[in-house]
C-alpha atoms as a PDB file:
ATOM      1  CA  UNK A   1     -52.320 -17.435  -5.787  1.00  0.00           C
ATOM      2  CA  UNK A   2     -50.070 -18.903  -8.383  1.00  0.00           C
ATOM      3  CA  UNK A   3     -46.911 -16.591  -7.385  1.00  0.00           C
ATOM      4  CA  UNK A   4     -47.528 -18.618  -3.923  1.00  0.00           C
ATOM      5  CA  UNK A   5     -47.514 -21.877  -5.814  1.00  0.00           C
ATOM      6  CA  UNK A   6     -44.616 -21.160  -7.822  1.00  0.00           C
ATOM      7  CA  UNK A   7     -42.767 -20.340  -4.930  1.00  0.00           C
ATOM      8  CA  UNK A   8     -43.301 -23.339  -3.042  1.00  0.00           C
ATOM      9  CA  UNK A   9     -42.529 -25.565  -6.284  1.00  0.00           C
ATOM     10  CA  UNK A  10     -39.458 -23.660  -7.295  1.00  0.00           C
ATOM     11  CA  UNK A  11     -38.102 -23.609  -3.642  1.00  0.00           C
ATOM     12  CA  UNK A  12     -38.618 -27.318  -3.736  1.00  0.00           C
ATOM     13  CA  UNK A  13     -36.944 -27.870  -6.844  1.00  0.00           C
ATOM     14  CA  UNK A  14     -34.006 -25.598  -6.073  1.00  0.00           C
ATOM     15  CA  UNK A  15     -34.015 -27.542  -2.775  1.00  0.00           C
ATOM     16  CA  UNK A  16     -33.704 -31.005  -4.580  1.00  0.00           C
ATOM     17  CA  UNK A  17     -30.995 -29.832  -7.309  1.00  0.00           C
ATOM     18  CA  UNK A  18     -28.964 -28.229  -4.400  1.00  0.00           C
ATOM     19  CA  UNK A  19     -29.148 -31.383  -2.052  1.00  0.00           C
ATOM     20  CA  UNK A  20     -28.342 -33.753  -5.091  1.00  0.00           C
ATOM     21  CA  UNK A  21     -25.290 -31.680  -6.309  1.00  0.00           C
ATOM     22  CA  UNK A  22     -23.919 -31.383  -3.088  1.00  0.00           C
ATOM     23  CA  UNK A  23     -23.858 -34.999  -2.053  1.00  0.00           C
ATOM     24  CA  UNK A  24     -22.212 -35.742  -5.838  1.00  0.00           C
ATOM     25  CA  UNK A  25     -19.539 -33.024  -5.080  1.00  0.00           C
ATOM     26  CA  UNK A  26     -18.933 -34.345  -1.350  1.00  0.00           C
ATOM     27  CA  UNK A  27     -18.880 -37.899  -3.117  1.00  0.00           C
ATOM     28  CA  UNK A  28     -16.111 -36.338  -5.717  1.00  0.00           C
ATOM     29  CA  UNK A  29     -14.209 -35.141  -2.614  1.00  0.00           C
ATOM     30  CA  UNK A  30     -13.756 -38.387  -0.686  1.00  0.00           C
ATOM     31  CA  UNK A  31     -12.769 -39.773  -4.003  1.00  0.00           C
ATOM     32  CA  UNK A  32     -10.111 -37.331  -4.113  1.00  0.00           C
ATOM     33  CA  UNK A  33      -8.895 -37.970  -0.982  1.00  0.00           C
ATOM     34  CA  UNK A  34      -8.445 -41.797  -1.791  1.00  0.00           C
ATOM     35  CA  UNK A  35      -6.466 -41.055  -5.123  1.00  0.00           C
ATOM     36  CA  UNK A  36      -2.662 -41.926  -5.021  1.00  0.00           C
ATOM     37  CA  UNK A  37      -1.653 -38.726  -7.732  1.00  0.00           C
ATOM     38  CA  UNK A  38      -2.035 -35.181  -7.856  1.00  0.00           C
ATOM     39  CA  UNK A  39      -2.829 -35.786 -11.683  1.00  0.00           C
ATOM     40  CA  UNK A  40      -5.720 -38.088 -10.469  1.00  0.00           C
ATOM     41  CA  UNK A  41      -6.690 -35.704  -7.597  1.00  0.00           C
ATOM     42  CA  UNK A  42      -7.072 -32.826  -9.897  1.00  0.00           C
ATOM     43  CA  UNK A  43      -9.540 -34.960 -12.025  1.00  0.00           C
ATOM     44  CA  UNK A  44     -11.748 -35.426  -9.140  1.00  0.00           C
ATOM     45  CA  UNK A  45     -11.260 -31.721  -8.657  1.00  0.00           C
ATOM     46  CA  UNK A  46     -12.652 -31.176 -12.017  1.00  0.00           C
ATOM     47  CA  UNK A  47     -15.324 -33.475 -11.591  1.00  0.00           C
ATOM     48  CA  UNK A  48     -16.585 -31.520  -8.185  1.00  0.00           C
ATOM     49  CA  UNK A  49     -16.184 -28.148 -10.641  1.00  0.00           C
ATOM     50  CA  UNK A  50     -18.740 -29.799 -13.149  1.00  0.00           C
ATOM     51  CA  UNK A  51     -21.380 -30.627 -10.486  1.00  0.00           C
ATOM     52  CA  UNK A  52     -21.133 -27.327  -9.398  1.00  0.00           C
ATOM     53  CA  UNK A  53     -21.552 -26.262 -13.049  1.00  0.00           C
ATOM     54  CA  UNK A  54     -24.720 -28.474 -13.347  1.00  0.00           C
ATOM     55  CA  UNK A  55     -26.081 -27.290 -10.303  1.00  0.00           C
ATOM     56  CA  UNK A  56     -25.662 -23.736 -11.727  1.00  0.00           C
ATOM     57  CA  UNK A  57     -27.283 -24.850 -15.155  1.00  0.00           C
ATOM     58  CA  UNK A  58     -30.427 -26.965 -13.423  1.00  0.00           C
ATOM     59  CA  UNK A  59     -31.025 -23.616 -10.927  1.00  0.00           C
ATOM     60  CA  UNK A  60     -31.124 -21.292 -14.288  1.00  0.00           C
ATOM     61  CA  UNK A  61     -33.351 -23.912 -16.028  1.00  0.00           C
ATOM     62  CA  UNK A  62     -36.060 -23.913 -13.259  1.00  0.00           C
ATOM     63  CA  UNK A  63     -35.843 -20.269 -12.863  1.00  0.00           C
ATOM     64  CA  UNK A  64     -36.351 -19.297 -16.424  1.00  0.00           C
ATOM     65  CA  UNK A  65     -39.618 -21.632 -16.712  1.00  0.00           C
ATOM     66  CA  UNK A  66     -41.470 -19.456 -14.469  1.00  0.00           C
ATOM     67  CA  UNK A  67     -39.893 -15.829 -14.641  1.00  0.00           C
ATOM     68  CA  UNK A  68     -40.018 -13.634 -17.589  1.00  0.00           C
ATOM     69  CA  UNK A  69     -36.748 -12.318 -17.248  1.00  0.00           C
ATOM     70  CA  UNK A  70     -35.077 -10.036 -19.434  1.00  0.00           C
ATOM     71  CA  UNK A  71     -31.151 -10.468 -19.147  1.00  0.00           C
ATOM     72  CA  UNK A  72     -28.994  -7.173 -19.879  1.00  0.00           C
ATOM     73  CA  UNK A  73     -25.291  -8.541 -19.719  1.00  0.00           C
ATOM     74  CA  UNK A  74     -22.321  -6.244 -21.063  1.00  0.00           C
ATOM     75  CA  UNK A  75     -18.647  -6.760 -20.800  1.00  0.00           C
ATOM     76  CA  UNK A  76     -18.255 -10.397 -20.625  1.00  0.00           C
ATOM     77  CA  UNK A  77     -17.062 -11.240 -24.491  1.00  0.00           C
ATOM     78  CA  UNK A  78     -13.579 -11.451 -24.041  1.00  0.00           C
ATOM     79  CA  UNK A  79     -13.437 -13.633 -21.032  1.00  0.00           C
ATOM     80  CA  UNK A  80     -11.245 -16.981 -20.860  1.00  0.00           C
ATOM     81  CA  UNK A  81     -12.377 -20.379 -19.232  1.00  0.00           C
ATOM     82  CA  UNK A  82      -8.840 -21.328 -18.686  1.00  0.00           C
ATOM     83  CA  UNK A  83      -7.856 -18.188 -16.581  1.00  0.00           C
ATOM     84  CA  UNK A  84      -7.497 -16.947 -13.375  1.00  0.00           C
ATOM     85  CA  UNK A  85      -9.701 -13.946 -11.967  1.00  0.00           C
ATOM     86  CA  UNK A  86     -10.495 -12.110  -9.112  1.00  0.00           C
ATOM     87  CA  UNK A  87     -14.030 -10.931  -9.163  1.00  0.00           C
ATOM     88  CA  UNK A  88     -15.363  -8.233  -6.855  1.00  0.00           C
ATOM     89  CA  UNK A  89     -19.370  -7.674  -6.987  1.00  0.00           C
ATOM     90  CA  UNK A  90     -21.872  -5.731  -4.668  1.00  0.00           C
ATOM     91  CA  UNK A  91     -24.025  -7.594  -2.783  1.00  0.00           C
ATOM     92  CA  UNK A  92     -28.253  -7.396  -2.499  1.00  0.00           C
ATOM     93  CA  UNK A  93     -29.235 -10.939  -2.401  1.00  0.00           C
ATOM     94  CA  UNK A  94     -29.095 -14.688  -2.284  1.00  0.00           C
ATOM     95  CA  UNK A  95     -30.362 -14.175  -5.595  1.00  0.00           C
ATOM     96  CA  UNK A  96     -26.458 -12.917  -6.631  1.00  0.00           C
ATOM     97  CA  UNK A  97     -24.960 -16.112  -6.254  1.00  0.00           C
ATOM     98  CA  UNK A  98     -27.641 -17.778  -8.580  1.00  0.00           C
ATOM     99  CA  UNK A  99     -26.774 -15.072 -11.311  1.00  0.00           C
ATOM    100  CA  UNK A 100     -23.230 -15.095 -10.918  1.00  0.00           C
ATOM    101  CA  UNK A 101     -22.731 -18.537 -11.482  1.00  0.00           C
ATOM    102  CA  UNK A 102     -25.472 -18.335 -14.406  1.00  0.00           C
ATOM    103  CA  UNK A 103     -23.675 -15.826 -16.473  1.00  0.00           C
ATOM    104  CA  UNK A 104     -20.265 -16.722 -15.926  1.00  0.00           C
ATOM    105  CA  UNK A 105     -20.642 -20.577 -15.922  1.00  0.00           C
ATOM    106  CA  UNK A 106     -19.204 -21.173 -19.635  1.00  0.00           C
ATOM    107  CA  UNK A 107     -17.298 -18.258 -19.815  1.00  0.00           C
ATOM    108  CA  UNK A 108     -14.718 -18.466 -17.018  1.00  0.00           C
ATOM    109  CA  UNK A 109     -13.902 -20.972 -14.125  1.00  0.00           C
ATOM    110  CA  UNK A 110     -16.851 -21.195 -11.631  1.00  0.00           C
ATOM    111  CA  UNK A 111     -16.787 -19.068  -9.261  1.00  0.00           C
ATOM    112  CA  UNK A 112     -15.504 -19.888  -5.868  1.00  0.00           C
ATOM    113  CA  UNK A 113     -17.008 -17.580  -3.197  1.00  0.00           C
ATOM    114  CA  UNK A 114     -15.263 -16.429   0.265  1.00  0.00           C
ATOM    115  CA  UNK A 115     -17.582 -17.231   2.824  1.00  0.00           C
ATOM    116  CA  UNK A 116     -18.076 -16.928   6.809  1.00  0.00           C
ATOM    117  CA  UNK A 117     -16.875 -19.877   9.186  1.00  0.00           C
ATOM    118  CA  UNK A 118     -20.285 -20.102  10.185  1.00  0.00           C
ATOM    119  CA  UNK A 119     -21.522 -21.637   6.883  1.00  0.00           C
ATOM    120  CA  UNK A 120     -19.192 -24.624   7.060  1.00  0.00           C
ATOM    121  CA  UNK A 121     -21.978 -26.017   9.429  1.00  0.00           C
ATOM    122  CA  UNK A 122     -25.104 -25.298   7.174  1.00  0.00           C
ATOM    123  CA  UNK A 123     -26.545 -28.867   5.938  1.00  0.00           C
ATOM    124  CA  UNK A 124     -25.235 -29.738   2.542  1.00  0.00           C
ATOM    125  CA  UNK A 125     -24.256 -25.929   1.654  1.00  0.00           C
ATOM    126  CA  UNK A 126     -21.114 -26.265   3.952  1.00  0.00           C
ATOM    127  CA  UNK A 127     -19.873 -29.420   3.151  1.00  0.00           C
ATOM    128  CA  UNK A 128     -20.028 -28.910  -0.629  1.00  0.00           C
ATOM    129  CA  UNK A 129     -18.371 -25.713  -0.449  1.00  0.00           C
ATOM    130  CA  UNK A 130     -15.510 -27.415   1.617  1.00  0.00           C
ATOM    131  CA  UNK A 131     -15.313 -30.107  -0.949  1.00  0.00           C
ATOM    132  CA  UNK A 132     -15.046 -27.484  -3.617  1.00  0.00           C
ATOM    133  CA  UNK A 133     -11.867 -25.755  -1.748  1.00  0.00           C
ATOM    134  CA  UNK A 134     -13.862 -22.645  -1.010  1.00  0.00           C
ATOM    135  CA  UNK A 135     -12.289 -20.708   1.539  1.00  0.00           C
ATOM    136  CA  UNK A 136     -13.845 -20.345   5.103  1.00  0.00           C
ATOM    137  CA  UNK A 137     -12.574 -17.563   6.713  1.00  0.00           C
ATOM    138  CA  UNK A 138     -12.567 -16.497  10.642  1.00  0.00           C
ATOM    139  CA  UNK A 139     -12.204 -12.770  10.680  1.00  0.00           C
ATOM    140  CA  UNK A 140     -10.630 -11.182  13.901  1.00  0.00           C
ATOM    141  CA  UNK A 141     -11.833  -7.818  14.845  1.00  0.00           C
ATOM    142  CA  UNK A 142      -9.152  -4.877  16.128  1.00  0.00           C
ATOM    143  CA  UNK A 143     -10.786  -5.326  19.499  1.00  0.00           C
ATOM    144  CA  UNK A 144     -10.070  -9.112  19.323  1.00  0.00           C
ATOM    145  CA  UNK A 145      -6.572  -8.857  18.158  1.00  0.00           C
ATOM    146  CA  UNK A 146      -5.653  -6.276  20.882  1.00  0.00           C
ATOM    147  CA  UNK A 147      -6.550  -8.926  23.450  1.00  0.00           C
ATOM    148  CA  UNK A 148      -5.054 -11.769  21.244  1.00  0.00           C
ATOM    149  CA  UNK A 149      -2.182 -10.704  19.754  1.00  0.00           C
ATOM    150  CA  UNK A 150      -0.792 -14.227  18.755  1.00  0.00           C
ATOM    151  CA  UNK A 151      -3.806 -14.356  16.380  1.00  0.00           C
ATOM    152  CA  UNK A 152      -2.243 -11.542  14.353  1.00  0.00           C
ATOM    153  CA  UNK A 153      -1.750 -12.652  10.852  1.00  0.00           C
ATOM    154  CA  UNK A 154      -3.659 -15.608  11.216  1.00  0.00           C
ATOM    155  CA  UNK A 155      -6.262 -14.742   8.784  1.00  0.00           C
ATOM    156  CA  UNK A 156      -4.016 -13.734   6.060  1.00  0.00           C
ATOM    157  CA  UNK A 157      -2.141 -17.476   6.753  1.00  0.00           C
ATOM    158  CA  UNK A 158      -5.415 -19.061   6.438  1.00  0.00           C
ATOM    159  CA  UNK A 159      -6.184 -17.275   3.013  1.00  0.00           C
ATOM    160  CA  UNK A 160      -2.483 -18.463   1.840  1.00  0.00           C
ATOM    161  CA  UNK A 161      -3.453 -22.085   2.446  1.00  0.00           C
ATOM    162  CA  UNK A 162      -6.766 -22.006   0.951  1.00  0.00           C
ATOM    163  CA  UNK A 163      -5.691 -19.858  -2.110  1.00  0.00           C
ATOM    164  CA  UNK A 164      -2.631 -22.436  -2.538  1.00  0.00           C
ATOM    165  CA  UNK A 165      -5.354 -25.200  -3.902  1.00  0.00           C
ATOM    166  CA  UNK A 166      -5.992 -22.877  -6.733  1.00  0.00           C
ATOM    167  CA  UNK A 167      -2.417 -22.688  -8.461  1.00  0.00           C
ATOM    168  CA  UNK A 168      -2.832 -25.568 -10.947  1.00  0.00           C
ATOM    169  CA  UNK A 169      -6.411 -25.093 -11.543  1.00  0.00           C
ATOM    170  CA  UNK A 170      -7.757 -22.316 -13.534  1.00  0.00           C
ATOM    171  CA  UNK A 171     -10.179 -20.262 -10.636  1.00  0.00           C
ATOM    172  CA  UNK A 172     -12.539 -17.112 -10.216  1.00  0.00           C
ATOM    173  CA  UNK A 173     -12.154 -16.201  -6.619  1.00  0.00           C
ATOM    174  CA  UNK A 174     -15.455 -14.055  -5.646  1.00  0.00           C
ATOM    175  CA  UNK A 175     -15.094 -11.335  -3.258  1.00  0.00           C
ATOM    176  CA  UNK A 176     -18.468  -9.357  -2.079  1.00  0.00           C
ATOM    177  CA  UNK A 177     -16.399  -6.132  -0.842  1.00  0.00           C
ATOM    178  CA  UNK A 178     -19.212  -4.720   1.252  1.00  0.00           C
ATOM    179  CA  UNK A 179     -18.856  -7.863   3.638  1.00  0.00           C
ATOM    180  CA  UNK A 180     -22.479  -8.028   3.834  1.00  0.00           C
ATOM    181  CA  UNK A 181     -25.757  -7.796   1.583  1.00  0.00           C
ATOM    182  CA  UNK A 182     -27.120  -4.137   0.878  1.00  0.00           C
ATOM    183  CA  UNK A 183     -30.242  -2.850   2.426  1.00  0.00           C
ATOM    184  CA  UNK A 184     -31.201   0.840   3.074  1.00  0.00           C
ATOM    185  CA  UNK A 185     -31.089   0.037   6.878  1.00  0.00           C
ATOM    186  CA  UNK A 186     -27.296  -0.891   6.769  1.00  0.00           C
ATOM    187  CA  UNK A 187     -26.788   2.088   4.429  1.00  0.00           C
ATOM    188  CA  UNK A 188     -28.148   4.655   7.138  1.00  0.00           C
ATOM    189  CA  UNK A 189     -26.615   2.703  10.224  1.00  0.00           C
ATOM    190  CA  UNK A 190     -23.278   2.834   8.404  1.00  0.00           C
ATOM    191  CA  UNK A 191     -23.377   6.331   6.967  1.00  0.00           C
ATOM    192  CA  UNK A 192     -22.228   5.126   3.727  1.00  0.00           C
ATOM    193  CA  UNK A 193     -21.186   7.345   1.115  1.00  0.00           C
ATOM    194  CA  UNK A 194     -22.584   6.022  -1.539  1.00  0.00           C
ATOM    195  CA  UNK A 195     -26.415   6.036  -2.867  1.00  0.00           C
ATOM    196  CA  UNK A 196     -26.839   2.342  -3.828  1.00  0.00           C
ATOM    197  CA  UNK A 197     -23.684   0.566  -1.886  1.00  0.00           C
ATOM    198  CA  UNK A 198     -22.177   0.329   1.466  1.00  0.00           C
ATOM    199  CA  UNK A 199     -18.720   1.190   2.256  1.00  0.00           C
ATOM    200  CA  UNK A 200     -16.318  -1.333   0.670  1.00  0.00           C
ATOM    201  CA  UNK A 201     -14.153  -3.231   3.007  1.00  0.00           C
ATOM    202  CA  UNK A 202     -10.534  -3.048   1.375  1.00  0.00           C
ATOM    203  CA  UNK A 203      -9.105  -5.806   4.086  1.00  0.00           C
ATOM    204  CA  UNK A 204     -10.892  -8.812   2.234  1.00  0.00           C
ATOM    205  CA  UNK A 205      -9.826  -8.029  -1.048  1.00  0.00           C
ATOM    206  CA  UNK A 206      -6.365  -7.340  -0.027  1.00  0.00           C
ATOM    207  CA  UNK A 207      -6.191 -10.713   1.884  1.00  0.00           C
ATOM    208  CA  UNK A 208      -6.946 -12.082  -1.561  1.00  0.00           C
ATOM    209  CA  UNK A 209      -4.452 -10.415  -3.615  1.00  0.00           C
ATOM    210  CA  UNK A 210      -1.631 -10.864  -1.059  1.00  0.00           C
ATOM    211  CA  UNK A 211      -2.201 -14.388  -1.265  1.00  0.00           C
ATOM    212  CA  UNK A 212      -2.372 -14.980  -4.954  1.00  0.00           C
ATOM    213  CA  UNK A 213      -2.326 -11.939  -6.716  1.00  0.00           C
ATOM    214  CA  UNK A 214       0.699 -12.790  -8.927  1.00  0.00           C
ATOM    215  CA  UNK A 215      -1.931 -15.405 -10.338  1.00  0.00           C
ATOM    216  CA  UNK A 216      -4.618 -13.268 -11.359  1.00  0.00           C
ATOM    217  CA  UNK A 217      -4.702 -12.402 -14.908  1.00  0.00           C
ATOM    218  CA  UNK A 218      -7.328  -9.749 -14.248  1.00  0.00           C
ATOM    219  CA  UNK A 219      -9.929  -8.294 -11.866  1.00  0.00           C
ATOM    220  CA  UNK A 220     -13.727  -8.610 -12.961  1.00  0.00           C
ATOM    221  CA  UNK A 221     -15.722  -5.687 -11.401  1.00  0.00           C
ATOM    222  CA  UNK A 222     -19.261  -6.695 -11.426  1.00  0.00           C
ATOM    223  CA  UNK A 223     -22.017  -4.751 -11.079  1.00  0.00           C
ATOM    224  CA  UNK A 224     -25.563  -6.124 -10.669  1.00  0.00           C
ATOM    225  CA  UNK A 225     -28.899  -5.011 -10.643  1.00  0.00           C
ATOM    226  CA  UNK A 226     -32.603  -5.952 -10.443  1.00  0.00           C
ATOM    227  CA  UNK A 227     -34.477  -2.673 -11.066  1.00  0.00           C
ATOM    228  CA  UNK A 228     -37.858  -3.782 -11.146  1.00  0.00           C
ATOM    229  CA  UNK A 229     -37.353  -5.911  -8.059  1.00  0.00           C
ATOM    230  CA  UNK A 230     -35.184  -4.148  -5.872  1.00  0.00           C
ATOM    231  CA  UNK A 231     -36.918  -5.047  -2.429  1.00  0.00           C
ATOM    232  CA  UNK A 232     -37.010  -8.687  -2.344  1.00  0.00           C
ATOM    233  CA  UNK A 233     -35.286 -10.231  -5.587  1.00  0.00           C
ATOM    234  CA  UNK A 234     -34.676 -13.805  -4.364  1.00  0.00           C
ATOM    235  CA  UNK A 235     -38.630 -14.017  -3.253  1.00  0.00           C
ATOM    236  CA  UNK A 236     -39.830 -12.796  -6.497  1.00  0.00           C
ATOM    237  CA  UNK A 237     -37.479 -15.118  -8.707  1.00  0.00           C
ATOM    238  CA  UNK A 238     -39.017 -17.835  -6.556  1.00  0.00           C
ATOM    239  CA  UNK A 239     -42.810 -16.900  -7.365  1.00  0.00           C
ATOM    240  CA  UNK A 240     -41.780 -15.745 -10.994  1.00  0.00           C
ATOM    241  CA  UNK A 241     -41.506 -12.112 -10.689  1.00  0.00           C
ATOM    242  CA  UNK A 242     -38.349 -11.512 -11.948  1.00  0.00           C
ATOM    243  CA  UNK A 243     -38.504  -9.015 -14.728  1.00  0.00           C
ATOM    244  CA  UNK A 244     -35.143  -7.497 -15.563  1.00  0.00           C
ATOM    245  CA  UNK A 245     -31.603  -8.873 -14.704  1.00  0.00           C
ATOM    246  CA  UNK A 246     -28.775  -6.251 -15.357  1.00  0.00           C
ATOM    247  CA  UNK A 247     -24.919  -7.390 -15.247  1.00  0.00           C
ATOM    248  CA  UNK A 248     -22.405  -4.978 -16.096  1.00  0.00           C
ATOM    249  CA  UNK A 249     -18.776  -6.152 -15.981  1.00  0.00           C
ATOM    250  CA  UNK A 250     -15.153  -4.305 -15.957  1.00  0.00           C
ATOM    251  CA  UNK A 251     -12.057  -5.997 -16.733  1.00  0.00           C
ATOM    252  CA  UNK A 252      -9.513  -4.268 -14.656  1.00  0.00           C
ATOM    253  CA  UNK A 253      -5.597  -4.548 -14.720  1.00  0.00           C
ATOM    254  CA  UNK A 254      -3.566  -6.676 -11.734  1.00  0.00           C
ATOM    255  CA  UNK A 255      -1.323  -3.521 -11.715  1.00  0.00           C
ATOM    256  CA  UNK A 256       0.941  -1.697  -9.172  1.00  0.00           C
ATOM    257  CA  UNK A 257      -2.205  -0.157  -7.853  1.00  0.00           C
ATOM    258  CA  UNK A 258      -3.019  -3.395  -6.153  1.00  0.00           C
ATOM    259  CA  UNK A 259       0.203  -5.155  -6.041  1.00  0.00           C
ATOM    260  CA  UNK A 260       1.856  -4.198  -2.731  1.00  0.00           C
ATOM    261  CA  UNK A 261       2.213  -5.058   0.994  1.00  0.00           C
ATOM    262  CA  UNK A 262      -1.023  -3.768   2.331  1.00  0.00           C
ATOM    263  CA  UNK A 263      -0.538  -4.700   6.039  1.00  0.00           C
ATOM    264  CA  UNK A 264       2.830  -3.156   6.668  1.00  0.00           C
ATOM    265  CA  UNK A 265       3.072  -0.263   4.263  1.00  0.00           C
ATOM    266  CA  UNK A 266       0.906   2.452   4.946  1.00  0.00           C
ATOM    267  CA  UNK A 267       1.153   4.770   2.016  1.00  0.00           C
ATOM    268  CA  UNK A 268       0.395   1.765  -0.068  1.00  0.00           C
ATOM    269  CA  UNK A 269      -2.585   0.926   1.914  1.00  0.00           C
ATOM    270  CA  UNK A 270      -3.925   4.316   1.420  1.00  0.00           C
ATOM    271  CA  UNK A 271      -3.465   3.963  -2.084  1.00  0.00           C
ATOM    272  CA  UNK A 272      -5.005   1.080  -2.588  1.00  0.00           C
ATOM    273  CA  UNK A 273      -8.179   1.989  -0.409  1.00  0.00           C
ATOM    274  CA  UNK A 274      -8.206   5.274  -2.673  1.00  0.00           C
ATOM    275  CA  UNK A 275      -8.294   2.776  -5.674  1.00  0.00           C
ATOM    276  CA  UNK A 276     -11.231   0.928  -4.295  1.00  0.00           C
ATOM    277  CA  UNK A 277     -13.024   3.929  -3.616  1.00  0.00           C
ATOM    278  CA  UNK A 278     -12.717   5.185  -6.972  1.00  0.00           C
ATOM    279  CA  UNK A 279     -13.905   1.528  -8.139  1.00  0.00           C
ATOM    280  CA  UNK A 280     -16.952   1.773  -5.694  1.00  0.00           C
ATOM    281  CA  UNK A 281     -17.630   5.637  -6.706  1.00  0.00           C
ATOM    282  CA  UNK A 282     -18.129   4.080 -10.472  1.00  0.00           C
ATOM    283  CA  UNK A 283     -20.363   1.415  -9.375  1.00  0.00           C
ATOM    284  CA  UNK A 284     -22.684   3.824  -7.308  1.00  0.00           C
ATOM    285  CA  UNK A 285     -22.900   6.208 -10.537  1.00  0.00           C
ATOM    286  CA  UNK A 286     -23.554   3.021 -12.957  1.00  0.00           C
ATOM    287  CA  UNK A 287     -26.459   1.945 -10.474  1.00  0.00           C
ATOM    288  CA  UNK A 288     -27.641   5.559 -10.602  1.00  0.00           C
ATOM    289  CA  UNK A 289     -28.051   5.451 -14.319  1.00  0.00           C
ATOM    290  CA  UNK A 290     -29.502   1.699 -14.453  1.00  0.00           C
ATOM    291  CA  UNK A 291     -32.310   2.576 -11.601  1.00  0.00           C
ATOM    292  CA  UNK A 292     -33.011   5.959 -13.591  1.00  0.00           C
END
């Protein structure tokens, strides 16, 4: 009974926190539109980012009050709050966003997520993400591009326009390389070669690197795991049942393996896919060790 009471209370507190911070971020964005100079606009952007930091801090406090969480975090000691990072991570639950923001909010610039276009229309969340300059992507399938060749290259152009806003303020761009949340059903349906992961999709990260690869200082390869709450981590967290959160971070260089023309250079594309496959194979082995 207590668990369901906590579920309702925590959900309400998180929703109130999200609503308040979202409105504050949108107000900061409106102020930014009215300010006359780039320096003042940059100040408004920092204000919006601070409200995102506040959202992450309050969420962490809310969930800490009801969850006896053991945090097991490695690989974050040498990160820089004034740097530019591309973060890639496995994706299992809405919990991942809360965890990433909680772990990294005081270590690197607040994470900015690549989002599906449909999320723009979610109340509060869509507008605040737009106000934070998070990129909204409308991906076109190969079949659609065959019918509408004029749309070819539009994804990359959209990514470049979105990432241009990050050139003057330190930024962390997050890409969930699997493209969707992991489930055993999706793993079987897609015939994934990995035990704990879906197949990585190289196109999304390639778009990001093509748009602003020269700005990134490093790639952060993040592995998330909830060893005692694998089935429903978000619900368990709201019910006060989250036991242990494991975060492993590898700092990878932005070198020749990830610098090239993915869209027109086929040998480089194969090399890049091989590199990403190696990263995912390492992550799968790491998750094996964590779960055992």
